[in-house]
């Protein structure tokens, strides 16, 4: 059972992931790929949104509130 993962697993971690895969009814490779995809999707979801330029009315109100 050779798994090509970016992080090498210790014997204990490998045994744990094998049990999790068996409970899910998948092979170890499928399980690790699914786990990596889920982690990537979660990381993408947590990525900050780009800062949006203030709209026309916001800029006008900001200028109106500035002292002369």
N, C-alpha and C. Protein backbone atom coordinates (compact mmCIF):
# COMPACT_ATOMS: atom_id res chain seq x y z
N UNK A 1 0.83 -1.17 0.00
CA UNK A 1 0.00 0.00 0.00
C UNK A 1 0.88 1.24 0.00
N UNK A 2 1.21 1.74 -1.16
CA UNK A 2 2.04 2.92 -1.26
C UNK A 2 1.15 4.12 -1.49
N UNK A 3 1.28 5.10 -0.64
CA UNK A 3 0.49 6.32 -0.80
C UNK A 3 1.44 7.46 -1.09
N UNK A 4 1.10 8.23 -2.12
CA UNK A 4 1.91 9.39 -2.47
C UNK A 4 1.20 10.63 -1.94
N UNK A 5 1.59 11.05 -0.78
CA UNK A 5 1.01 12.23 -0.18
C UNK A 5 2.11 13.26 0.02
N UNK A 6 1.74 14.53 0.04
CA UNK A 6 2.76 15.55 0.25
C UNK A 6 3.39 15.42 1.63
N UNK A 7 2.65 14.91 2.58
CA UNK A 7 3.16 14.71 3.93
C UNK A 7 3.22 13.21 4.19
N UNK A 8 4.37 12.70 4.58
CA UNK A 8 4.46 11.28 4.86
C UNK A 8 3.82 10.99 6.21
N UNK A 9 3.10 9.91 6.27
CA UNK A 9 2.38 9.55 7.49
C UNK A 9 3.20 8.57 8.31
N UNK A 10 3.13 8.73 9.62
CA UNK A 10 3.78 7.76 10.50
C UNK A 10 2.94 6.49 10.53
N UNK A 11 3.45 5.45 11.16
CA UNK A 11 2.72 4.18 11.22
C UNK A 11 1.36 4.35 11.90
N UNK A 12 1.35 5.11 12.98
CA UNK A 12 0.10 5.32 13.71
C UNK A 12 -0.91 6.11 12.89
N UNK A 13 -0.43 7.16 12.23
CA UNK A 13 -1.33 7.96 11.39
C UNK A 13 -1.86 7.14 10.22
N UNK A 14 -0.99 6.33 9.64
CA UNK A 14 -1.39 5.49 8.52
C UNK A 14 -2.45 4.48 8.96
N UNK A 15 -2.28 3.89 10.13
CA UNK A 15 -3.26 2.94 10.65
C UNK A 15 -4.60 3.64 10.91
N UNK A 16 -4.54 4.83 11.47
CA UNK A 16 -5.75 5.59 11.76
C UNK A 16 -6.50 5.93 10.46
N UNK A 17 -5.77 6.43 9.47
CA UNK A 17 -6.41 6.79 8.20
C UNK A 17 -6.94 5.55 7.48
N UNK A 18 -6.27 4.42 7.63
CA UNK A 18 -6.75 3.18 7.04
C UNK A 18 -8.08 2.78 7.66
N UNK A 19 -8.19 2.90 8.96
CA UNK A 19 -9.46 2.58 9.64
C UNK A 19 -10.57 3.53 9.21
N UNK A 20 -10.25 4.82 9.11
CA UNK A 20 -11.25 5.79 8.67
C UNK A 20 -11.73 5.48 7.25
N UNK A 21 -10.78 5.11 6.37
CA UNK A 21 -11.13 4.78 4.99
C UNK A 21 -12.00 3.53 4.95
N UNK A 22 -11.67 2.55 5.79
CA UNK A 22 -12.45 1.31 5.82
C UNK A 22 -13.88 1.59 6.28
N UNK A 23 -14.03 2.45 7.28
CA UNK A 23 -15.38 2.79 7.77
C UNK A 23 -16.18 3.52 6.70
N UNK A 24 -15.49 4.34 5.89
CA UNK A 24 -16.17 5.08 4.84
C UNK A 24 -16.42 4.22 3.60
N UNK A 25 -15.83 3.01 3.57
CA UNK A 25 -16.03 2.12 2.44
C UNK A 25 -15.19 2.50 1.23
N UNK A 26 -14.04 3.10 1.47
CA UNK A 26 -13.18 3.54 0.37
C UNK A 26 -11.79 2.97 0.56
N UNK A 27 -11.01 3.03 -0.52
CA UNK A 27 -9.62 2.63 -0.39
C UNK A 27 -8.85 3.77 0.28
N UNK A 28 -7.67 3.47 0.76
CA UNK A 28 -6.88 4.49 1.45
C UNK A 28 -6.53 5.64 0.52
N UNK A 29 -6.19 5.33 -0.73
CA UNK A 29 -5.85 6.38 -1.68
C UNK A 29 -7.05 7.30 -1.95
N UNK A 30 -8.22 6.69 -2.17
CA UNK A 30 -9.43 7.49 -2.39
C UNK A 30 -9.73 8.36 -1.18
N UNK A 31 -9.58 7.80 0.01
CA UNK A 31 -9.85 8.53 1.24
C UNK A 31 -8.93 9.75 1.39
N UNK A 32 -7.63 9.53 1.13
CA UNK A 32 -6.68 10.62 1.27
C UNK A 32 -6.90 11.71 0.21
N UNK A 33 -7.29 11.29 -1.00
CA UNK A 33 -7.58 12.28 -2.05
C UNK A 33 -8.81 13.11 -1.67
N UNK A 34 -9.84 12.44 -1.14
CA UNK A 34 -11.05 13.14 -0.74
C UNK A 34 -10.74 14.11 0.40
N UNK A 35 -9.92 13.66 1.32
CA UNK A 35 -9.54 14.49 2.46
C UNK A 35 -8.76 15.73 2.00
N UNK A 36 -7.87 15.55 1.02
CA UNK A 36 -7.09 16.66 0.48
C UNK A 36 -7.99 17.64 -0.26
N UNK A 37 -8.96 17.12 -1.02
CA UNK A 37 -9.90 18.00 -1.74
C UNK A 37 -10.74 18.81 -0.76
N UNK A 38 -11.19 18.17 0.31
CA UNK A 38 -12.00 18.87 1.31
C UNK A 38 -11.19 19.96 2.00
N UNK A 39 -9.93 19.67 2.29
CA UNK A 39 -9.07 20.66 2.93
C UNK A 39 -8.81 21.83 1.99
N UNK A 40 -8.63 21.55 0.71
CA UNK A 40 -8.41 22.62 -0.26
C UNK A 40 -9.65 23.47 -0.43
N UNK A 41 -10.82 22.84 -0.44
CA UNK A 41 -12.07 23.61 -0.56
C UNK A 41 -12.28 24.48 0.66
N UNK A 42 -11.97 23.97 1.83
CA UNK A 42 -12.11 24.74 3.07
C UNK A 42 -11.15 25.92 3.08
N UNK A 43 -9.93 25.70 2.59
CA UNK A 43 -8.94 26.78 2.54
C UNK A 43 -9.38 27.85 1.55
N UNK A 44 -9.96 27.44 0.45
CA UNK A 44 -10.42 28.40 -0.55
C UNK A 44 -11.60 29.21 0.00
N UNK A 45 -12.47 28.54 0.75
CA UNK A 45 -13.62 29.21 1.33
C UNK A 45 -13.19 30.25 2.36
N UNK A 46 -12.12 29.95 3.08
CA UNK A 46 -11.65 30.84 4.13
C UNK A 46 -10.78 31.98 3.60
N UNK A 47 -10.47 31.97 2.30
CA UNK A 47 -9.62 33.01 1.72
C UNK A 47 -10.34 34.36 1.80
N UNK A 48 -9.63 35.43 2.15
CA UNK A 48 -10.28 36.74 2.27
C UNK A 48 -10.71 37.27 0.90
N UNK A 49 -11.82 37.98 0.89
CA UNK A 49 -12.31 38.56 -0.34
C UNK A 49 -11.51 39.83 -0.65
N UNK A 50 -11.34 40.16 -1.92
CA UNK A 50 -10.60 41.38 -2.25
C UNK A 50 -11.37 42.62 -1.79
N UNK A 51 -10.63 43.65 -1.43
CA UNK A 51 -11.24 44.88 -0.95
C UNK A 51 -11.87 45.61 -2.12
N UNK A 52 -13.12 46.00 -1.94
CA UNK A 52 -13.87 46.65 -3.00
C UNK A 52 -13.74 48.17 -2.86
N UNK A 53 -13.62 48.85 -3.98
CA UNK A 53 -13.54 50.30 -3.99
C UNK A 53 -14.88 50.87 -3.50
N UNK A 54 -14.85 51.92 -2.69
CA UNK A 54 -16.11 52.50 -2.21
C UNK A 54 -16.95 53.01 -3.38
N UNK A 55 -18.25 52.90 -3.23
CA UNK A 55 -19.16 53.34 -4.28
C UNK A 55 -19.27 54.85 -4.36
N UNK A 56 -20.02 55.32 -5.33
CA UNK A 56 -20.16 56.75 -5.58
C UNK A 56 -20.74 57.48 -4.38
N UNK A 57 -21.83 56.98 -3.83
CA UNK A 57 -22.47 57.67 -2.71
C UNK A 57 -21.60 57.65 -1.46
N UNK A 58 -20.89 56.58 -1.24
CA UNK A 58 -19.99 56.50 -0.08
C UNK A 58 -18.89 57.54 -0.20
N UNK A 59 -18.34 57.67 -1.41
CA UNK A 59 -17.28 58.67 -1.61
C UNK A 59 -17.81 60.08 -1.45
N UNK A 60 -19.04 60.33 -1.97
CA UNK A 60 -19.63 61.66 -1.83
C UNK A 60 -19.91 62.00 -0.37
N UNK A 61 -20.42 61.01 0.39
CA UNK A 61 -20.69 61.25 1.80
C UNK A 61 -19.40 61.48 2.57
N UNK A 62 -18.34 60.73 2.26
CA UNK A 62 -17.06 60.94 2.91
C UNK A 62 -16.52 62.34 2.65
N UNK A 63 -16.66 62.81 1.42
CA UNK A 63 -16.20 64.16 1.11
C UNK A 63 -17.05 65.20 1.81
N UNK A 64 -18.34 64.93 1.92
CA UNK A 64 -19.25 65.90 2.56
C UNK A 64 -18.94 66.02 4.05
N UNK A 65 -18.46 64.96 4.69
CA UNK A 65 -18.17 64.98 6.11
C UNK A 65 -16.79 65.56 6.44
N UNK A 66 -15.95 65.73 5.42
CA UNK A 66 -14.61 66.29 5.68
C UNK A 66 -14.74 67.79 5.94
N UNK A 67 -13.92 68.29 6.84
CA UNK A 67 -13.95 69.75 7.08
C UNK A 67 -13.35 70.51 5.89
N UNK A 68 -13.79 71.74 5.74
CA UNK A 68 -13.29 72.55 4.62
C UNK A 68 -11.92 73.04 4.83
